[in-house]
Amino acid sequence: MTDFLVLVANAGDGSISTFRLNDEGLERIAVTEGVTGCSTFAVDGDRNLVYAAVKPDATSEFPGVLTLALDRETGALTPRSRRDLPGGGMNYLALSHGGTVLLGASYGGGYGISTSVAEGVVSEPVSQVEFRNLHSVLPSADGRFAYFVSLGDDVIAQYGLGADARLDDLGTVAAPEGSGPRHLVLNDTQDAVYVLTEFSGEVLHYSRDTESGALALEGAASIVDPSEGLTHSRFGADPVAEHLVWGADLHVGDGVLWASERSASTLAPVRVAGDGSVSDATTFTETEPQPRGFAVAGPWLVAAGERSTEVALYAVRGTELELLQRVETGAGANWVRFV
């Protein structure tokens, strides 16, 4: 029997729930308070450290990154240190170089950072980049490159990444105008990058040169259920009131990419062919209301909804999801990670 820990950020409650998952199901074993407004975190599983983006609170007038130590037995998270970020809070955090480099993207601040990490202490930014409404950032598996996604500028910014956390500008590659690129993933072989768009509800396929790190747009596939009648969104729109596409999160599964769409509250599988190309989703699973975040690990998928206080556990069966369980987590749940 394989045990996982699953962490879920509950932005509305300012908490992180810890769940234990095994063949018997999903069980909440701890709730850690004091992570005000947390909507993203990165996990260093080797060191049992969690880096959580937090908003201003009684301990600081600034947003920042809070380092917490994870007790794998109890699920409790204990604060270790905090790095204030006066320029704006992070909407996405990712680790590289074996947990010694932390990358961040700030949507409201319009900037991205790279920092060094030593014994869980996050440094002042080593490098900083600026694009409108940066929404996510990920490194390549070998740590040589980093990709920042700008929803406001419709670009993916490409950088070389050093072990010292310094970024080297390698230029940008465009996403379709008005598509609103949001989250990205790299495939296992690292020769493709997939980007989910918020406004058009597509997975964009970029081929990737593993030596130079350069990306090239190859194609796209829809994640939107056509029966819902959703239309293309735009910056500043209210997607719920106007019944617009509202793409959210993207994760790699077995031969598919799983994507969430918030207006219809669906999870959809986008098939990936042997050459990396993608095809439109044709099956859709209604899940927790407004699913901003979810995660996939082996045969499991755990989804959270911003308008739900529960998380849903699914068994992944190819391109189908079987609902196994719903478990209480907290208000405004929006970020899920397996540990």
C-alpha atoms as a PDB file:
ATOM      1  CA  MET A   1       0.000   0.000   0.000  1.00  0.00           C
ATOM      2  CA  THR A   2       1.461   3.359  -1.052  1.00  0.00           C
ATOM      3  CA  ASP A   3       0.836   6.378   1.153  1.00  0.00           C
ATOM      4  CA  PHE A   4       0.843   9.936  -0.160  1.00  0.00           C
ATOM      5  CA  LEU A   5       0.519  13.195   1.669  1.00  0.00           C
ATOM      6  CA  VAL A   6      -1.635  15.790  -0.081  1.00  0.00           C
ATOM      7  CA  LEU A   7      -1.458  19.483   0.822  1.00  0.00           C
ATOM      8  CA  VAL A   8      -4.322  21.863  -0.015  1.00  0.00           C
ATOM      9  CA  ALA A   9      -4.189  25.650   0.409  1.00  0.00           C
ATOM     10  CA  ASN A  10      -7.428  27.212   1.659  1.00  0.00           C
ATOM     11  CA  ALA A  11      -7.007  30.898   0.819  1.00  0.00           C
ATOM     12  CA  GLY A  12     -10.317  31.897   2.381  1.00  0.00           C
ATOM     13  CA  ASP A  13      -9.351  30.440   5.745  1.00  0.00           C
ATOM     14  CA  GLY A  14      -5.641  31.272   5.581  1.00  0.00           C
ATOM     15  CA  SER A  15      -4.804  27.617   6.159  1.00  0.00           C
ATOM     16  CA  ILE A  16      -3.204  24.550   4.597  1.00  0.00           C
ATOM     17  CA  SER A  17      -4.874  21.161   5.046  1.00  0.00           C
ATOM     18  CA  THR A  18      -2.754  18.011   5.153  1.00  0.00           C
ATOM     19  CA  PHE A  19      -4.331  14.771   3.977  1.00  0.00           C
ATOM     20  CA  ARG A  20      -3.076  11.202   4.006  1.00  0.00           C
ATOM     21  CA  LEU A  21      -4.012   9.194   0.905  1.00  0.00           C
ATOM     22  CA  ASN A  22      -3.805   5.454   0.443  1.00  0.00           C
ATOM     23  CA  ASP A  23      -5.950   2.611  -0.834  1.00  0.00           C
ATOM     24  CA  GLU A  24      -8.348   3.192   2.039  1.00  0.00           C
ATOM     25  CA  GLY A  25      -9.040   6.746   0.906  1.00  0.00           C
ATOM     26  CA  LEU A  26      -8.304  10.360   1.745  1.00  0.00           C
ATOM     27  CA  GLU A  27      -8.107  11.454   5.394  1.00  0.00           C
ATOM     28  CA  ARG A  28      -7.444  14.948   6.685  1.00  0.00           C
ATOM     29  CA  ILE A  29      -4.840  14.656   9.447  1.00  0.00           C
ATOM     30  CA  ALA A  30      -3.917  18.293  10.115  1.00  0.00           C
ATOM     31  CA  VAL A  31      -4.864  21.899   9.433  1.00  0.00           C
ATOM     32  CA  THR A  32      -2.187  24.580   9.726  1.00  0.00           C
ATOM     33  CA  GLU A  33      -3.426  28.124  10.321  1.00  0.00           C
ATOM     34  CA  GLY A  34      -1.573  31.391   9.820  1.00  0.00           C
ATOM     35  CA  VAL A  35      -0.833  31.171   6.083  1.00  0.00           C
ATOM     36  CA  THR A  36      -2.853  34.278   5.242  1.00  0.00           C
ATOM     37  CA  GLY A  37      -4.325  34.291   1.743  1.00  0.00           C
ATOM     38  CA  CYS A  38      -2.097  31.425   0.602  1.00  0.00           C
ATOM     39  CA  SER A  39      -2.843  30.524  -3.015  1.00  0.00           C
ATOM     40  CA  THR A  40       0.387  28.795  -4.015  1.00  0.00           C
ATOM     41  CA  PHE A  41       3.196  26.847  -2.418  1.00  0.00           C
ATOM     42  CA  ALA A  42       6.189  24.774  -3.482  1.00  0.00           C
ATOM     43  CA  VAL A  43       7.302  21.606  -1.714  1.00  0.00           C
ATOM     44  CA  ASP A  44      10.855  20.385  -1.110  1.00  0.00           C
ATOM     45  CA  GLY A  45      10.045  16.763  -0.366  1.00  0.00           C
ATOM     46  CA  ASP A  46      13.635  15.781   0.398  1.00  0.00           C
ATOM     47  CA  ARG A  47      13.940  18.358   3.166  1.00  0.00           C
ATOM     48  CA  ASN A  48      10.261  18.329   4.180  1.00  0.00           C
ATOM     49  CA  LEU A  49       9.969  22.065   3.624  1.00  0.00           C
ATOM     50  CA  VAL A  50       7.040  24.000   2.190  1.00  0.00           C
ATOM     51  CA  TYR A  51       7.413  27.497   0.728  1.00  0.00           C
ATOM     52  CA  ALA A  52       4.036  29.250   0.877  1.00  0.00           C
ATOM     53  CA  ALA A  53       3.116  32.604  -0.654  1.00  0.00           C
ATOM     54  CA  VAL A  54       1.256  34.666   1.946  1.00  0.00           C
ATOM     55  CA  LYS A  55      -0.420  38.054   2.142  1.00  0.00           C
ATOM     56  CA  PRO A  56       0.225  40.760   4.767  1.00  0.00           C
ATOM     57  CA  ASP A  57      -0.846  39.840   8.291  1.00  0.00           C
ATOM     58  CA  ALA A  58      -0.064  40.640  11.914  1.00  0.00           C
ATOM     59  CA  THR A  59       3.554  39.572  11.457  1.00  0.00           C
ATOM     60  CA  SER A  60       4.337  41.757   8.419  1.00  0.00           C
ATOM     61  CA  GLU A  61       2.851  44.623   6.414  1.00  0.00           C
ATOM     62  CA  PHE A  62       4.121  43.011   3.210  1.00  0.00           C
ATOM     63  CA  PRO A  63       3.248  39.856   1.297  1.00  0.00           C
ATOM     64  CA  GLY A  64       5.993  37.284   1.251  1.00  0.00           C
ATOM     65  CA  VAL A  65       7.141  33.689   1.222  1.00  0.00           C
ATOM     66  CA  LEU A  66       6.763  31.723   4.445  1.00  0.00           C
ATOM     67  CA  THR A  67       8.954  28.642   4.953  1.00  0.00           C
ATOM     68  CA  LEU A  68       7.287  25.830   6.909  1.00  0.00           C
ATOM     69  CA  ALA A  69       8.656  22.505   8.117  1.00  0.00           C
ATOM     70  CA  LEU A  70       6.443  19.483   7.386  1.00  0.00           C
ATOM     71  CA  ASP A  71       6.056  16.687   9.932  1.00  0.00           C
ATOM     72  CA  ARG A  72       5.204  13.683   7.777  1.00  0.00           C
ATOM     73  CA  GLU A  73       3.744  11.731  10.679  1.00  0.00           C
ATOM     74  CA  THR A  74       1.313  14.329  11.994  1.00  0.00           C
ATOM     75  CA  GLY A  75       0.948  16.456   8.867  1.00  0.00           C
ATOM     76  CA  ALA A  76       1.620  19.620  10.860  1.00  0.00           C
ATOM     77  CA  LEU A  77       3.458  22.567   9.293  1.00  0.00           C
ATOM     78  CA  THR A  78       5.672  24.713  11.534  1.00  0.00           C
ATOM     79  CA  PRO A  79       6.884  28.199  10.456  1.00  0.00           C
ATOM     80  CA  ARG A  80      10.665  28.474  10.073  1.00  0.00           C
ATOM     81  CA  SER A  81      11.352  31.815   8.364  1.00  0.00           C
ATOM     82  CA  ARG A  82       9.756  34.488   6.181  1.00  0.00           C
ATOM     83  CA  ARG A  83      10.932  36.593   3.232  1.00  0.00           C
ATOM     84  CA  ASP A  84       8.986  39.813   2.716  1.00  0.00           C
ATOM     85  CA  LEU A  85       8.255  40.885  -0.860  1.00  0.00           C
ATOM     86  CA  PRO A  86       7.313  44.589  -0.941  1.00  0.00           C
ATOM     87  CA  GLY A  87       6.808  44.484  -4.723  1.00  0.00           C
ATOM     88  CA  GLY A  88       3.790  42.184  -4.507  1.00  0.00           C
ATOM     89  CA  GLY A  89       2.776  38.681  -3.541  1.00  0.00           C
ATOM     90  CA  MET A  90       3.510  35.539  -5.532  1.00  0.00           C
ATOM     91  CA  ASN A  91       0.870  33.653  -7.506  1.00  0.00           C
ATOM     92  CA  TYR A  92       3.154  30.748  -8.407  1.00  0.00           C
ATOM     93  CA  LEU A  93       6.265  29.264  -6.772  1.00  0.00           C
ATOM     94  CA  ALA A  94       8.586  26.537  -8.069  1.00  0.00           C
ATOM     95  CA  LEU A  95      11.850  25.004  -6.869  1.00  0.00           C
ATOM     96  CA  SER A  96      14.945  24.116  -8.871  1.00  0.00           C
ATOM     97  CA  HIS A  97      18.531  22.935  -8.391  1.00  0.00           C
ATOM     98  CA  GLY A  98      17.615  20.407  -5.717  1.00  0.00           C
ATOM     99  CA  GLY A  99      15.689  22.911  -3.639  1.00  0.00           C
ATOM    100  CA  THR A 100      18.413  25.584  -3.545  1.00  0.00           C
ATOM    101  CA  VAL A 101      16.693  27.937  -6.017  1.00  0.00           C
ATOM    102  CA  LEU A 102      13.153  29.294  -5.695  1.00  0.00           C
ATOM    103  CA  LEU A 103      11.314  30.905  -8.601  1.00  0.00           C
ATOM    104  CA  GLY A 104       8.208  33.047  -8.279  1.00  0.00           C
ATOM    105  CA  ALA A 105       5.677  34.858 -10.453  1.00  0.00           C
ATOM    106  CA  SER A 106       3.566  37.780  -9.254  1.00  0.00           C
ATOM    107  CA  TYR A 107       0.329  38.489 -11.132  1.00  0.00           C
ATOM    108  CA  GLY A 108      -0.569  41.715  -9.359  1.00  0.00           C
ATOM    109  CA  GLY A 109       3.017  42.948  -9.089  1.00  0.00           C
ATOM    110  CA  GLY A 110       3.853  42.163 -12.707  1.00  0.00           C
ATOM    111  CA  TYR A 111       7.238  40.719 -11.865  1.00  0.00           C
ATOM    112  CA  GLY A 112       9.052  37.434 -11.470  1.00  0.00           C
ATOM    113  CA  ILE A 113      11.920  36.519  -9.194  1.00  0.00           C
ATOM    114  CA  SER A 114      14.653  33.975  -8.698  1.00  0.00           C
ATOM    115  CA  THR A 115      16.115  33.543  -5.232  1.00  0.00           C
ATOM    116  CA  SER A 116      18.632  31.274  -3.575  1.00  0.00           C
ATOM    117  CA  VAL A 117      17.608  29.048  -0.653  1.00  0.00           C
ATOM    118  CA  ALA A 118      19.852  27.832   2.163  1.00  0.00           C
ATOM    119  CA  GLU A 119      18.542  25.758   5.085  1.00  0.00           C
ATOM    120  CA  GLY A 120      15.030  26.848   4.190  1.00  0.00           C
ATOM    121  CA  VAL A 121      15.850  30.555   4.261  1.00  0.00           C
ATOM    122  CA  VAL A 122      14.851  32.405   1.095  1.00  0.00           C
ATOM    123  CA  SER A 123      17.245  35.144  -0.014  1.00  0.00           C
ATOM    124  CA  GLU A 124      16.454  38.546  -1.426  1.00  0.00           C
ATOM    125  CA  PRO A 125      15.723  38.204  -5.157  1.00  0.00           C
ATOM    126  CA  VAL A 126      18.889  37.444  -7.105  1.00  0.00           C
ATOM    127  CA  SER A 127      17.249  38.282 -10.443  1.00  0.00           C
ATOM    128  CA  GLN A 128      13.990  40.001 -11.276  1.00  0.00           C
ATOM    129  CA  VAL A 129      12.005  40.147 -14.529  1.00  0.00           C
ATOM    130  CA  GLU A 130       9.018  42.282 -15.468  1.00  0.00           C
ATOM    131  CA  PHE A 131       5.979  41.359 -17.576  1.00  0.00           C
ATOM    132  CA  ARG A 132       2.303  42.166 -17.191  1.00  0.00           C
ATOM    133  CA  ASN A 133       0.304  39.760 -15.063  1.00  0.00           C
ATOM    134  CA  LEU A 134       2.866  36.997 -14.732  1.00  0.00           C
ATOM    135  CA  HIS A 135       0.930  33.906 -13.761  1.00  0.00           C
ATOM    136  CA  SER A 136       3.365  31.016 -13.470  1.00  0.00           C
ATOM    137  CA  VAL A 137       6.960  29.873 -13.752  1.00  0.00           C
ATOM    138  CA  LEU A 138       8.634  26.476 -14.052  1.00  0.00           C
ATOM    139  CA  PRO A 139      12.239  25.309 -14.471  1.00  0.00           C
ATOM    140  CA  SER A 140      13.395  22.559 -16.781  1.00  0.00           C
ATOM    141  CA  ALA A 141      14.180  19.280 -15.025  1.00  0.00           C
ATOM    142  CA  ASP A 142      17.928  19.825 -15.405  1.00  0.00           C
ATOM    143  CA  GLY A 143      17.672  23.301 -13.863  1.00  0.00           C
ATOM    144  CA  ARG A 144      19.319  25.030 -16.841  1.00  0.00           C
ATOM    145  CA  PHE A 145      16.247  26.977 -17.968  1.00  0.00           C
ATOM    146  CA  ALA A 146      13.190  28.717 -16.545  1.00  0.00           C
ATOM    147  CA  TYR A 147       9.957  29.738 -18.260  1.00  0.00           C
ATOM    148  CA  PHE A 148       7.763  32.605 -17.043  1.00  0.00           C
ATOM    149  CA  VAL A 149       4.215  32.873 -18.404  1.00  0.00           C
ATOM    150  CA  SER A 150       2.725  36.355 -18.877  1.00  0.00           C
ATOM    151  CA  LEU A 151      -1.056  36.427 -19.186  1.00  0.00           C
ATOM    152  CA  GLY A 152      -1.070  40.169 -19.776  1.00  0.00           C
ATOM    153  CA  ASP A 153       1.538  40.179 -22.556  1.00  0.00           C
ATOM    154  CA  ASP A 154       0.578  36.829 -24.172  1.00  0.00           C
ATOM    155  CA  VAL A 155       4.148  35.529 -24.050  1.00  0.00           C
ATOM    156  CA  ILE A 156       6.306  32.845 -22.484  1.00  0.00           C
ATOM    157  CA  ALA A 157       9.594  34.402 -21.394  1.00  0.00           C
ATOM    158  CA  GLN A 158      12.612  32.094 -21.689  1.00  0.00           C
ATOM    159  CA  TYR A 159      15.641  32.306 -19.397  1.00  0.00           C
ATOM    160  CA  GLY A 160      18.821  30.477 -18.691  1.00  0.00           C
ATOM    161  CA  LEU A 161      19.006  29.585 -14.995  1.00  0.00           C
ATOM    162  CA  GLY A 162      22.224  29.202 -13.038  1.00  0.00           C
ATOM    163  CA  ALA A 163      22.892  27.337  -9.811  1.00  0.00           C
ATOM    164  CA  ASP A 164      23.444  30.793  -8.289  1.00  0.00           C
ATOM    165  CA  ALA A 165      19.791  31.615  -9.169  1.00  0.00           C
ATOM    166  CA  ARG A 166      20.761  34.166 -11.810  1.00  0.00           C
ATOM    167  CA  LEU A 167      18.537  34.474 -14.870  1.00  0.00           C
ATOM    168  CA  ASP A 168      19.883  35.006 -18.399  1.00  0.00           C
ATOM    169  CA  ASP A 169      17.364  36.516 -20.841  1.00  0.00           C
ATOM    170  CA  LEU A 170      16.803  34.271 -23.876  1.00  0.00           C
ATOM    171  CA  GLY A 171      13.878  36.197 -25.357  1.00  0.00           C
ATOM    172  CA  THR A 172      10.167  35.476 -25.534  1.00  0.00           C
ATOM    173  CA  VAL A 173       7.899  33.266 -27.587  1.00  0.00           C
ATOM    174  CA  ALA A 174       4.368  34.407 -28.354  1.00  0.00           C
ATOM    175  CA  ALA A 175       1.054  32.865 -27.420  1.00  0.00           C
ATOM    176  CA  PRO A 176      -1.996  33.665 -29.590  1.00  0.00           C
ATOM    177  CA  GLU A 177      -3.102  37.251 -29.032  1.00  0.00           C
ATOM    178  CA  GLY A 178      -5.774  37.534 -26.362  1.00  0.00           C
ATOM    179  CA  SER A 179      -5.502  33.869 -25.334  1.00  0.00           C
ATOM    180  CA  GLY A 180      -4.299  34.657 -21.805  1.00  0.00           C
ATOM    181  CA  PRO A 181      -1.554  32.062 -21.187  1.00  0.00           C
ATOM    182  CA  ARG A 182      -1.699  30.988 -17.548  1.00  0.00           C
ATOM    183  CA  HIS A 183      -0.093  27.712 -16.380  1.00  0.00           C
ATOM    184  CA  LEU A 184       2.518  25.495 -18.008  1.00  0.00           C
ATOM    185  CA  VAL A 185       3.955  21.998 -17.697  1.00  0.00           C
ATOM    186  CA  LEU A 186       6.926  20.214 -19.279  1.00  0.00           C
ATOM    187  CA  ASN A 187       6.612  16.629 -20.469  1.00  0.00           C
ATOM    188  CA  ASP A 188       8.740  13.808 -19.078  1.00  0.00           C
ATOM    189  CA  THR A 189      11.211  13.880 -21.958  1.00  0.00           C
ATOM    190  CA  GLN A 190      11.486  17.669 -21.676  1.00  0.00           C
ATOM    191  CA  ASP A 191      11.076  18.181 -25.433  1.00  0.00           C
ATOM    192  CA  ALA A 192       7.630  19.782 -25.134  1.00  0.00           C
ATOM    193  CA  VAL A 193       6.032  22.521 -23.069  1.00  0.00           C
ATOM    194  CA  TYR A 194       2.259  22.792 -22.733  1.00  0.00           C
ATOM    195  CA  VAL A 195       0.571  26.039 -21.710  1.00  0.00           C
ATOM    196  CA  LEU A 196      -3.044  26.385 -20.604  1.00  0.00           C
ATOM    197  CA  THR A 197      -4.801  29.602 -21.634  1.00  0.00           C
ATOM    198  CA  GLU A 198      -7.338  31.308 -19.395  1.00  0.00           C
ATOM    199  CA  PHE A 199      -9.335  33.248 -22.009  1.00  0.00           C
ATOM    200  CA  SER A 200      -9.466  30.821 -24.952  1.00  0.00           C
ATOM    201  CA  GLY A 201      -9.491  27.571 -22.951  1.00  0.00           C
ATOM    202  CA  GLU A 202      -6.745  25.849 -24.928  1.00  0.00           C
ATOM    203  CA  VAL A 203      -3.643  23.801 -24.316  1.00  0.00           C
ATOM    204  CA  LEU A 204      -0.872  25.263 -26.452  1.00  0.00           C
ATOM    205  CA  HIS A 205       1.818  22.828 -27.564  1.00  0.00           C
ATOM    206  CA  TYR A 206       5.362  24.181 -27.851  1.00  0.00           C
ATOM    207  CA  SER A 207       8.214  22.002 -29.023  1.00  0.00           C
ATOM    208  CA  ARG A 208      11.357  22.482 -26.951  1.00  0.00           C
ATOM    209  CA  ASP A 209      15.003  22.236 -27.958  1.00  0.00           C
ATOM    210  CA  THR A 210      16.558  20.469 -24.982  1.00  0.00           C
ATOM    211  CA  GLU A 211      20.006  21.974 -25.671  1.00  0.00           C
ATOM    212  CA  SER A 212      19.107  25.626 -26.212  1.00  0.00           C
ATOM    213  CA  GLY A 213      15.864  25.613 -24.245  1.00  0.00           C
ATOM    214  CA  ALA A 214      14.089  27.428 -27.096  1.00  0.00           C
ATOM    215  CA  LEU A 215      10.338  26.959 -27.595  1.00  0.00           C
ATOM    216  CA  ALA A 216       8.323  26.952 -30.831  1.00  0.00           C
ATOM    217  CA  LEU A 217       4.525  26.935 -31.033  1.00  0.00           C
ATOM    218  CA  GLU A 218       3.263  23.811 -32.804  1.00  0.00           C
ATOM    219  CA  GLY A 219      -0.469  23.567 -32.180  1.00  0.00           C
ATOM    220  CA  ALA A 220      -3.370  23.827 -29.745  1.00  0.00           C
ATOM    221  CA  ALA A 221      -6.325  21.841 -28.390  1.00  0.00           C
ATOM    222  CA  SER A 222      -9.523  22.897 -26.632  1.00  0.00           C
ATOM    223  CA  ILE A 223     -10.359  22.002 -23.019  1.00  0.00           C
ATOM    224  CA  VAL A 224     -13.857  23.527 -23.176  1.00  0.00           C
ATOM    225  CA  ASP A 225     -17.056  21.474 -23.135  1.00  0.00           C
ATOM    226  CA  PRO A 226     -18.901  22.645 -26.283  1.00  0.00           C
ATOM    227  CA  SER A 227     -22.274  21.843 -24.729  1.00  0.00           C
ATOM    228  CA  GLU A 228     -21.741  24.594 -22.148  1.00  0.00           C
ATOM    229  CA  GLY A 229     -21.885  27.392 -24.739  1.00  0.00           C
ATOM    230  CA  LEU A 230     -18.953  29.313 -23.251  1.00  0.00           C
ATOM    231  CA  THR A 231     -17.363  32.062 -25.340  1.00  0.00           C
ATOM    232  CA  HIS A 232     -13.877  33.571 -25.499  1.00  0.00           C
ATOM    233  CA  SER A 233     -13.039  35.686 -22.466  1.00  0.00           C
ATOM    234  CA  ARG A 234     -10.917  38.840 -22.110  1.00  0.00           C
ATOM    235  CA  PHE A 235      -8.921  40.704 -19.508  1.00  0.00           C
ATOM    236  CA  GLY A 236     -11.110  42.346 -16.885  1.00  0.00           C
ATOM    237  CA  ALA A 237     -14.283  40.421 -17.753  1.00  0.00           C
ATOM    238  CA  ASP A 238     -16.485  38.609 -15.248  1.00  0.00           C
ATOM    239  CA  PRO A 239     -16.465  35.067 -16.677  1.00  0.00           C
ATOM    240  CA  VAL A 240     -19.272  33.809 -14.433  1.00  0.00           C
ATOM    241  CA  ALA A 241     -21.642  36.701 -15.121  1.00  0.00           C
ATOM    242  CA  GLU A 242     -20.910  36.675 -18.869  1.00  0.00           C
ATOM    243  CA  HIS A 243     -20.656  32.883 -19.259  1.00  0.00           C
ATOM    244  CA  LEU A 244     -17.082  33.024 -20.571  1.00  0.00           C
ATOM    245  CA  VAL A 245     -14.223  30.531 -20.757  1.00  0.00           C
ATOM    246  CA  TRP A 246     -12.147  30.520 -17.575  1.00  0.00           C
ATOM    247  CA  GLY A 247      -9.219  28.099 -17.860  1.00  0.00           C
ATOM    248  CA  ALA A 248      -7.303  27.424 -14.661  1.00  0.00           C
ATOM    249  CA  ASP A 249      -4.879  24.560 -13.976  1.00  0.00           C
ATOM    250  CA  LEU A 250      -2.923  21.979 -15.996  1.00  0.00           C
ATOM    251  CA  HIS A 251      -1.152  18.747 -15.023  1.00  0.00           C
ATOM    252  CA  VAL A 252       0.487  15.806 -16.761  1.00  0.00           C
ATOM    253  CA  GLY A 253      -1.204  12.415 -16.621  1.00  0.00           C
ATOM    254  CA  ASP A 254      -0.565   9.102 -18.382  1.00  0.00           C
ATOM    255  CA  GLY A 255      -0.729   9.961 -22.086  1.00  0.00           C
ATOM    256  CA  VAL A 256      -3.013  12.917 -21.402  1.00  0.00           C
ATOM    257  CA  LEU A 257      -2.925  16.424 -19.997  1.00  0.00           C
ATOM    258  CA  TRP A 258      -5.603  17.144 -17.395  1.00  0.00           C
ATOM    259  CA  ALA A 259      -7.012  20.672 -17.401  1.00  0.00           C
ATOM    260  CA  SER A 260      -9.598  22.523 -15.321  1.00  0.00           C
ATOM    261  CA  GLU A 261     -12.136  25.119 -16.458  1.00  0.00           C
ATOM    262  CA  ARG A 262     -13.873  27.190 -13.788  1.00  0.00           C
ATOM    263  CA  SER A 263     -17.022  28.578 -15.424  1.00  0.00           C
ATOM    264  CA  ALA A 264     -18.445  25.084 -16.045  1.00  0.00           C
ATOM    265  CA  SER A 265     -16.403  23.522 -13.190  1.00  0.00           C
ATOM    266  CA  THR A 266     -14.975  20.755 -15.368  1.00  0.00           C
ATOM    267  CA  LEU A 267     -11.884  18.584 -15.578  1.00  0.00           C
ATOM    268  CA  ALA A 268     -10.950  17.515 -19.094  1.00  0.00           C
ATOM    269  CA  PRO A 269      -8.326  15.163 -20.586  1.00  0.00           C
ATOM    270  CA  VAL A 270      -6.373  16.373 -23.626  1.00  0.00           C
ATOM    271  CA  ARG A 271      -4.748  13.456 -25.434  1.00  0.00           C
ATOM    272  CA  VAL A 272      -1.057  13.730 -26.310  1.00  0.00           C
ATOM    273  CA  ALA A 273       0.190  11.857 -29.389  1.00  0.00           C
ATOM    274  CA  GLY A 274       3.615  10.277 -29.751  1.00  0.00           C
ATOM    275  CA  ASP A 275       4.908  13.344 -31.569  1.00  0.00           C
ATOM    276  CA  GLY A 276       3.736  15.618 -28.751  1.00  0.00           C
ATOM    277  CA  SER A 277       0.744  17.028 -30.598  1.00  0.00           C
ATOM    278  CA  VAL A 278      -2.544  17.492 -28.754  1.00  0.00           C
ATOM    279  CA  SER A 279      -6.206  16.932 -29.646  1.00  0.00           C
ATOM    280  CA  ASP A 280      -9.379  18.527 -28.308  1.00  0.00           C
ATOM    281  CA  ALA A 281     -10.868  17.104 -25.130  1.00  0.00           C
ATOM    282  CA  THR A 282     -14.037  15.099 -25.775  1.00  0.00           C
ATOM    283  CA  THR A 283     -14.968  13.981 -22.263  1.00  0.00           C
ATOM    284  CA  PHE A 284     -15.636  16.232 -19.295  1.00  0.00           C
ATOM    285  CA  THR A 285     -16.111  15.609 -15.581  1.00  0.00           C
ATOM    286  CA  GLU A 286     -18.012  18.120 -13.475  1.00  0.00           C
ATOM    287  CA  THR A 287     -16.072  18.645 -10.265  1.00  0.00           C
ATOM    288  CA  GLU A 288     -15.895  20.977  -7.251  1.00  0.00           C
ATOM    289  CA  PRO A 289     -17.289  24.452  -8.024  1.00  0.00           C
ATOM    290  CA  GLN A 290     -14.709  26.774  -9.622  1.00  0.00           C
ATOM    291  CA  PRO A 291     -11.720  24.375  -9.710  1.00  0.00           C
ATOM    292  CA  ARG A 292      -8.691  26.650  -9.667  1.00  0.00           C
ATOM    293  CA  GLY A 293      -6.305  23.931  -8.500  1.00  0.00           C
ATOM    294  CA  PHE A 294      -5.869  20.167  -8.637  1.00  0.00           C
ATOM    295  CA  ALA A 295      -3.071  17.618  -8.779  1.00  0.00           C
ATOM    296  CA  VAL A 296      -2.396  14.187 -10.307  1.00  0.00           C
ATOM    297  CA  ALA A 297      -0.214  11.373  -8.997  1.00  0.00           C
ATOM    298  CA  GLY A 298      -0.322   7.921 -10.568  1.00  0.00           C
ATOM    299  CA  PRO A 299      -3.902   6.592 -10.327  1.00  0.00           C
ATOM    300  CA  TRP A 300      -5.155   9.516  -8.223  1.00  0.00           C
ATOM    301  CA  LEU A 301      -6.475  12.997  -8.947  1.00  0.00           C
ATOM    302  CA  VAL A 302      -7.421  15.415  -6.163  1.00  0.00           C
ATOM    303  CA  ALA A 303      -9.388  18.535  -7.104  1.00  0.00           C
ATOM    304  CA  ALA A 304     -10.275  21.625  -5.081  1.00  0.00           C
ATOM    305  CA  GLY A 305     -12.878  24.296  -5.802  1.00  0.00           C
ATOM    306  CA  GLU A 306     -12.760  27.961  -4.801  1.00  0.00           C
ATOM    307  CA  ARG A 307     -16.517  27.869  -4.110  1.00  0.00           C
ATOM    308  CA  SER A 308     -16.407  24.573  -2.251  1.00  0.00           C
ATOM    309  CA  THR A 309     -15.155  23.636   1.195  1.00  0.00           C
ATOM    310  CA  GLU A 310     -14.382  20.077   0.088  1.00  0.00           C
ATOM    311  CA  VAL A 311     -11.820  18.351  -2.109  1.00  0.00           C
ATOM    312  CA  ALA A 312     -12.744  15.514  -4.442  1.00  0.00           C
ATOM    313  CA  LEU A 313     -10.688  12.330  -4.813  1.00  0.00           C
ATOM    314  CA  TYR A 314     -10.858  10.554  -8.179  1.00  0.00           C
ATOM    315  CA  ALA A 315      -9.467   7.333  -9.561  1.00  0.00           C
ATOM    316  CA  VAL A 316      -7.929   8.033 -12.963  1.00  0.00           C
ATOM    317  CA  ARG A 317      -8.924   5.430 -15.543  1.00  0.00           C
ATOM    318  CA  GLY A 318      -7.417   6.498 -18.851  1.00  0.00           C
ATOM    319  CA  THR A 319      -9.432   9.548 -19.901  1.00  0.00           C
ATOM    320  CA  GLU A 320     -12.190   8.900 -17.357  1.00  0.00           C
ATOM    321  CA  LEU A 321     -12.449   9.915 -13.715  1.00  0.00           C
ATOM    322  CA  GLU A 322     -14.287   7.900 -11.065  1.00  0.00           C
ATOM    323  CA  LEU A 323     -15.326   9.901  -8.010  1.00  0.00           C
ATOM    324  CA  LEU A 324     -14.278   8.030  -4.887  1.00  0.00           C
ATOM    325  CA  GLN A 325     -14.658  10.505  -2.052  1.00  0.00           C
ATOM    326  CA  ARG A 326     -15.277  14.101  -0.980  1.00  0.00           C
ATOM    327  CA  VAL A 327     -13.546  15.396   2.151  1.00  0.00           C
ATOM    328  CA  GLU A 328     -13.761  18.696   4.039  1.00  0.00           C
ATOM    329  CA  THR A 329     -10.780  21.023   3.578  1.00  0.00           C
ATOM    330  CA  GLY A 330     -11.693  24.704   4.120  1.00  0.00           C
ATOM    331  CA  ALA A 331     -12.856  27.878   2.395  1.00  0.00           C
ATOM    332  CA  GLY A 332     -11.420  29.130  -0.881  1.00  0.00           C
ATOM    333  CA  ALA A 333      -9.428  25.976  -1.627  1.00  0.00           C
ATOM    334  CA  ASN A 334      -7.252  26.699  -4.653  1.00  0.00           C
ATOM    335  CA  TRP A 335      -3.919  24.846  -4.645  1.00  0.00           C
ATOM    336  CA  VAL A 336      -3.198  21.117  -4.411  1.00  0.00           C
ATOM    337  CA  ARG A 337       0.095  19.236  -4.302  1.00  0.00           C
ATOM    338  CA  PHE A 338       1.119  15.631  -3.625  1.00  0.00           C
ATOM    339  CA  VAL A 339       4.131  15.295  -1.324  1.00  0.00           C
END
